Amino acid sequence: MRLLLPYVPITLVMSQNHITMALSMVVQLNYRLIDCFNINQTN
């Protein structure tokens, strides 16, 4: 594990954009699901 620790920040910085893109997509999907549930409940 000691050998992997120095590479963790590098991988986080390299994959930071991918993580933010994935989180934004998940948030958008969650909002769409919430909207669908709200529409179904109102109807």
PDB file of N, CA and C in Angstrom:
ATOM      1  N   MET A   1       0.829  -1.212   0.000  1.00  0.00           N
ATOM      2  CA  MET A   1       0.000   0.000   0.000  1.00  0.00           C
ATOM      3  C   MET A   1       0.863   1.261   0.000  1.00  0.00           C
ATOM      4  N   ARG A   2       2.032   1.188   0.576  1.00  0.00           N
ATOM      5  CA  ARG A   2       2.887   2.379   0.619  1.00  0.00           C
ATOM      6  C   ARG A   2       3.304   2.797  -0.785  1.00  0.00           C
ATOM      7  N   LEU A   3       3.456   1.837  -1.671  1.00  0.00           N
ATOM      8  CA  LEU A   3       3.874   2.171  -3.027  1.00  0.00           C
ATOM      9  C   LEU A   3       2.723   2.806  -3.809  1.00  0.00           C
ATOM     10  N   LEU A   4       1.502   2.465  -3.471  1.00  0.00           N
ATOM     11  CA  LEU A   4       0.358   2.992  -4.208  1.00  0.00           C
ATOM     12  C   LEU A   4      -0.030   4.396  -3.742  1.00  0.00           C
ATOM     13  N   LEU A   5       0.300   4.733  -2.515  1.00  0.00           N
ATOM     14  CA  LEU A   5      -0.116   6.037  -1.983  1.00  0.00           C
ATOM     15  C   LEU A   5       0.369   7.226  -2.815  1.00  0.00           C
ATOM     16  N   PRO A   6       1.632   7.270  -3.268  1.00  0.00           N
ATOM     17  CA  PRO A   6       2.054   8.428  -4.068  1.00  0.00           C
ATOM     18  C   PRO A   6       1.291   8.554  -5.377  1.00  0.00           C
ATOM     19  N   TYR A   7       0.754   7.448  -5.902  1.00  0.00           N
ATOM     20  CA  TYR A   7       0.062   7.519  -7.192  1.00  0.00           C
ATOM     21  C   TYR A   7      -1.403   7.914  -7.039  1.00  0.00           C
ATOM     22  N   VAL A   8      -1.918   7.888  -5.819  1.00  0.00           N
ATOM     23  CA  VAL A   8      -3.339   8.208  -5.630  1.00  0.00           C
ATOM     24  C   VAL A   8      -3.646   9.652  -6.026  1.00  0.00           C
ATOM     25  N   PRO A   9      -2.890  10.660  -5.550  1.00  0.00           N
ATOM     26  CA  PRO A   9      -3.197  12.038  -5.952  1.00  0.00           C
ATOM     27  C   PRO A   9      -3.096  12.227  -7.466  1.00  0.00           C
ATOM     28  N   ILE A  10      -2.119  11.570  -8.104  1.00  0.00           N
ATOM     29  CA  ILE A  10      -1.960  11.710  -9.558  1.00  0.00           C
ATOM     30  C   ILE A  10      -3.192  11.155 -10.265  1.00  0.00           C
ATOM     31  N   THR A  11      -3.637   9.982  -9.833  1.00  0.00           N
ATOM     32  CA  THR A  11      -4.808   9.390 -10.481  1.00  0.00           C
ATOM     33  C   THR A  11      -6.046  10.239 -10.223  1.00  0.00           C
ATOM     34  N   LEU A  12      -6.155  10.812  -9.024  1.00  0.00           N
ATOM     35  CA  LEU A  12      -7.312  11.657  -8.722  1.00  0.00           C
ATOM     36  C   LEU A  12      -7.318  12.901  -9.603  1.00  0.00           C
ATOM     37  N   VAL A  13      -6.138  13.495  -9.790  1.00  0.00           N
ATOM     38  CA  VAL A  13      -6.055  14.704 -10.618  1.00  0.00           C
ATOM     39  C   VAL A  13      -6.354  14.349 -12.072  1.00  0.00           C
ATOM     40  N   MET A  14      -5.843  13.211 -12.527  1.00  0.00           N
ATOM     41  CA  MET A  14      -6.048  12.818 -13.917  1.00  0.00           C
ATOM     42  C   MET A  14      -7.511  12.471 -14.170  1.00  0.00           C
ATOM     43  N   SER A  15      -8.157  11.833 -13.202  1.00  0.00           N
ATOM     44  CA  SER A  15      -9.537  11.373 -13.397  1.00  0.00           C
ATOM     45  C   SER A  15     -10.549  12.340 -12.796  1.00  0.00           C
ATOM     46  N   GLN A  16     -10.079  13.514 -12.366  1.00  0.00           N
ATOM     47  CA  GLN A  16     -11.003  14.468 -11.746  1.00  0.00           C
ATOM     48  C   GLN A  16     -12.079  14.895 -12.742  1.00  0.00           C
ATOM     49  N   ASN A  17     -11.678  15.149 -13.997  1.00  0.00           N
ATOM     50  CA  ASN A  17     -12.654  15.562 -14.999  1.00  0.00           C
ATOM     51  C   ASN A  17     -13.670  14.449 -15.242  1.00  0.00           C
ATOM     52  N   HIS A  18     -13.183  13.206 -15.318  1.00  0.00           N
ATOM     53  CA  HIS A  18     -14.107  12.091 -15.555  1.00  0.00           C
ATOM     54  C   HIS A  18     -15.066  11.937 -14.376  1.00  0.00           C
ATOM     55  N   ILE A  19     -14.555  12.128 -13.166  1.00  0.00           N
ATOM     56  CA  ILE A  19     -15.409  11.991 -11.982  1.00  0.00           C
ATOM     57  C   ILE A  19     -16.489  13.071 -11.985  1.00  0.00           C
ATOM     58  N   THR A  20     -16.112  14.304 -12.304  1.00  0.00           N
ATOM     59  CA  THR A  20     -17.096  15.391 -12.307  1.00  0.00           C
ATOM     60  C   THR A  20     -18.136  15.150 -13.402  1.00  0.00           C
ATOM     61  N   MET A  21     -17.697  14.654 -14.560  1.00  0.00           N
ATOM     62  CA  MET A  21     -18.646  14.365 -15.634  1.00  0.00           C
ATOM     63  C   MET A  21     -19.608  13.265 -15.205  1.00  0.00           C
ATOM     64  N   ALA A  22     -19.073  12.219 -14.574  1.00  0.00           N
ATOM     65  CA  ALA A  22     -19.929  11.114 -14.127  1.00  0.00           C
ATOM     66  C   ALA A  22     -20.923  11.604 -13.070  1.00  0.00           C
ATOM     67  N   LEU A  23     -20.437  12.426 -12.124  1.00  0.00           N
ATOM     68  CA  LEU A  23     -21.330  12.930 -11.077  1.00  0.00           C
ATOM     69  C   LEU A  23     -22.414  13.818 -11.678  1.00  0.00           C
ATOM     70  N   SER A  24     -22.049  14.651 -12.637  1.00  0.00           N
ATOM     71  CA  SER A  24     -23.052  15.524 -13.247  1.00  0.00           C
ATOM     72  C   SER A  24     -24.105  14.698 -13.979  1.00  0.00           C
ATOM     73  N   MET A  25     -23.658  13.620 -14.674  1.00  0.00           N
ATOM     74  CA  MET A  25     -24.615  12.769 -15.387  1.00  0.00           C
ATOM     75  C   MET A  25     -25.539  12.071 -14.390  1.00  0.00           C
ATOM     76  N   VAL A  26     -24.962  11.603 -13.267  1.00  0.00           N
ATOM     77  CA  VAL A  26     -25.786  10.922 -12.257  1.00  0.00           C
ATOM     78  C   VAL A  26     -26.800  11.896 -11.672  1.00  0.00           C
ATOM     79  N   VAL A  27     -26.356  13.128 -11.412  1.00  0.00           N
ATOM     80  CA  VAL A  27     -27.278  14.128 -10.850  1.00  0.00           C
ATOM     81  C   VAL A  27     -28.398  14.413 -11.838  1.00  0.00           C
ATOM     82  N   GLN A  28     -28.058  14.533 -13.122  1.00  0.00           N
ATOM     83  CA  GLN A  28     -29.088  14.797 -14.122  1.00  0.00           C
ATOM     84  C   GLN A  28     -30.076  13.640 -14.188  1.00  0.00           C
ATOM     85  N   LEU A  29     -29.552  12.407 -14.123  1.00  0.00           N
ATOM     86  CA  LEU A  29     -30.448  11.246 -14.167  1.00  0.00           C
ATOM     87  C   LEU A  29     -31.354  11.232 -12.939  1.00  0.00           C
ATOM     88  N   ASN A  30     -30.793  11.581 -11.776  1.00  0.00           N
ATOM     89  CA  ASN A  30     -31.601  11.608 -10.553  1.00  0.00           C
ATOM     90  C   ASN A  30     -32.704  12.654 -10.674  1.00  0.00           C
ATOM     91  N   TYR A  31     -32.381  13.832 -11.211  1.00  0.00           N
ATOM     92  CA  TYR A  31     -33.398  14.871 -11.353  1.00  0.00           C
ATOM     93  C   TYR A  31     -34.479  14.423 -12.334  1.00  0.00           C
ATOM     94  N   ARG A  32     -34.081  13.717 -13.395  1.00  0.00           N
ATOM     95  CA  ARG A  32     -35.083  13.231 -14.353  1.00  0.00           C
ATOM     96  C   ARG A  32     -35.990  12.209 -13.695  1.00  0.00           C
ATOM     97  N   LEU A  33     -35.403  11.307 -12.884  1.00  0.00           N
ATOM     98  CA  LEU A  33     -36.225  10.310 -12.193  1.00  0.00           C
ATOM     99  C   LEU A  33     -37.184  10.994 -11.218  1.00  0.00           C
ATOM    100  N   ILE A  34     -36.686  12.013 -10.502  1.00  0.00           N
ATOM    101  CA  ILE A  34     -37.533  12.739  -9.550  1.00  0.00           C
ATOM    102  C   ILE A  34     -38.666  13.431 -10.302  1.00  0.00           C
ATOM    103  N   ASP A  35     -38.354  14.019 -11.454  1.00  0.00           N
ATOM    104  CA  ASP A  35     -39.398  14.685 -12.240  1.00  0.00           C
ATOM    105  C   ASP A  35     -40.446  13.663 -12.686  1.00  0.00           C
ATOM    106  N   CYS A  36     -39.990  12.495 -13.119  1.00  0.00           N
ATOM    107  CA  CYS A  36     -40.936  11.462 -13.559  1.00  0.00           C
ATOM    108  C   CYS A  36     -41.829  11.038 -12.397  1.00  0.00           C
ATOM    109  N   PHE A  37     -41.229  10.847 -11.216  1.00  0.00           N
ATOM    110  CA  PHE A  37     -42.029  10.442 -10.051  1.00  0.00           C
ATOM    111  C   PHE A  37     -43.027  11.541  -9.688  1.00  0.00           C
ATOM    112  N   ASN A  38     -42.592  12.793  -9.758  1.00  0.00           N
ATOM    113  CA  ASN A  38     -43.492  13.897  -9.414  1.00  0.00           C
ATOM    114  C   ASN A  38     -44.654  13.955 -10.404  1.00  0.00           C
ATOM    115  N   ILE A  39     -44.349  13.754 -11.692  1.00  0.00           N
ATOM    116  CA  ILE A  39     -45.411  13.790 -12.710  1.00  0.00           C
ATOM    117  C   ILE A  39     -46.387  12.646 -12.466  1.00  0.00           C
ATOM    118  N   ASN A  40     -45.857  11.464 -12.146  1.00  0.00           N
ATOM    119  CA  ASN A  40     -46.728  10.318 -11.899  1.00  0.00           C
ATOM    120  C   ASN A  40     -47.582  10.539 -10.651  1.00  0.00           C
ATOM    121  N   GLN A  41     -47.021  11.162  -9.629  1.00  0.00           N
ATOM    122  CA  GLN A  41     -47.776  11.380  -8.395  1.00  0.00           C
ATOM    123  C   GLN A  41     -48.858  12.442  -8.613  1.00  0.00           C
ATOM    124  N   THR A  42     -48.550  13.482  -9.393  1.00  0.00           N
ATOM    125  CA  THR A  42     -49.541  14.532  -9.614  1.00  0.00           C
ATOM    126  C   THR A  42     -50.693  13.985 -10.450  1.00  0.00           C
ATOM    127  N   ASN A  43     -50.394  13.126 -11.396  1.00  0.00           N
ATOM    128  CA  ASN A  43     -51.451  12.540 -12.217  1.00  0.00           C
ATOM    129  C   ASN A  43     -52.204  11.479 -11.402  1.00  0.00           C
TER     130      ASN A  43
END
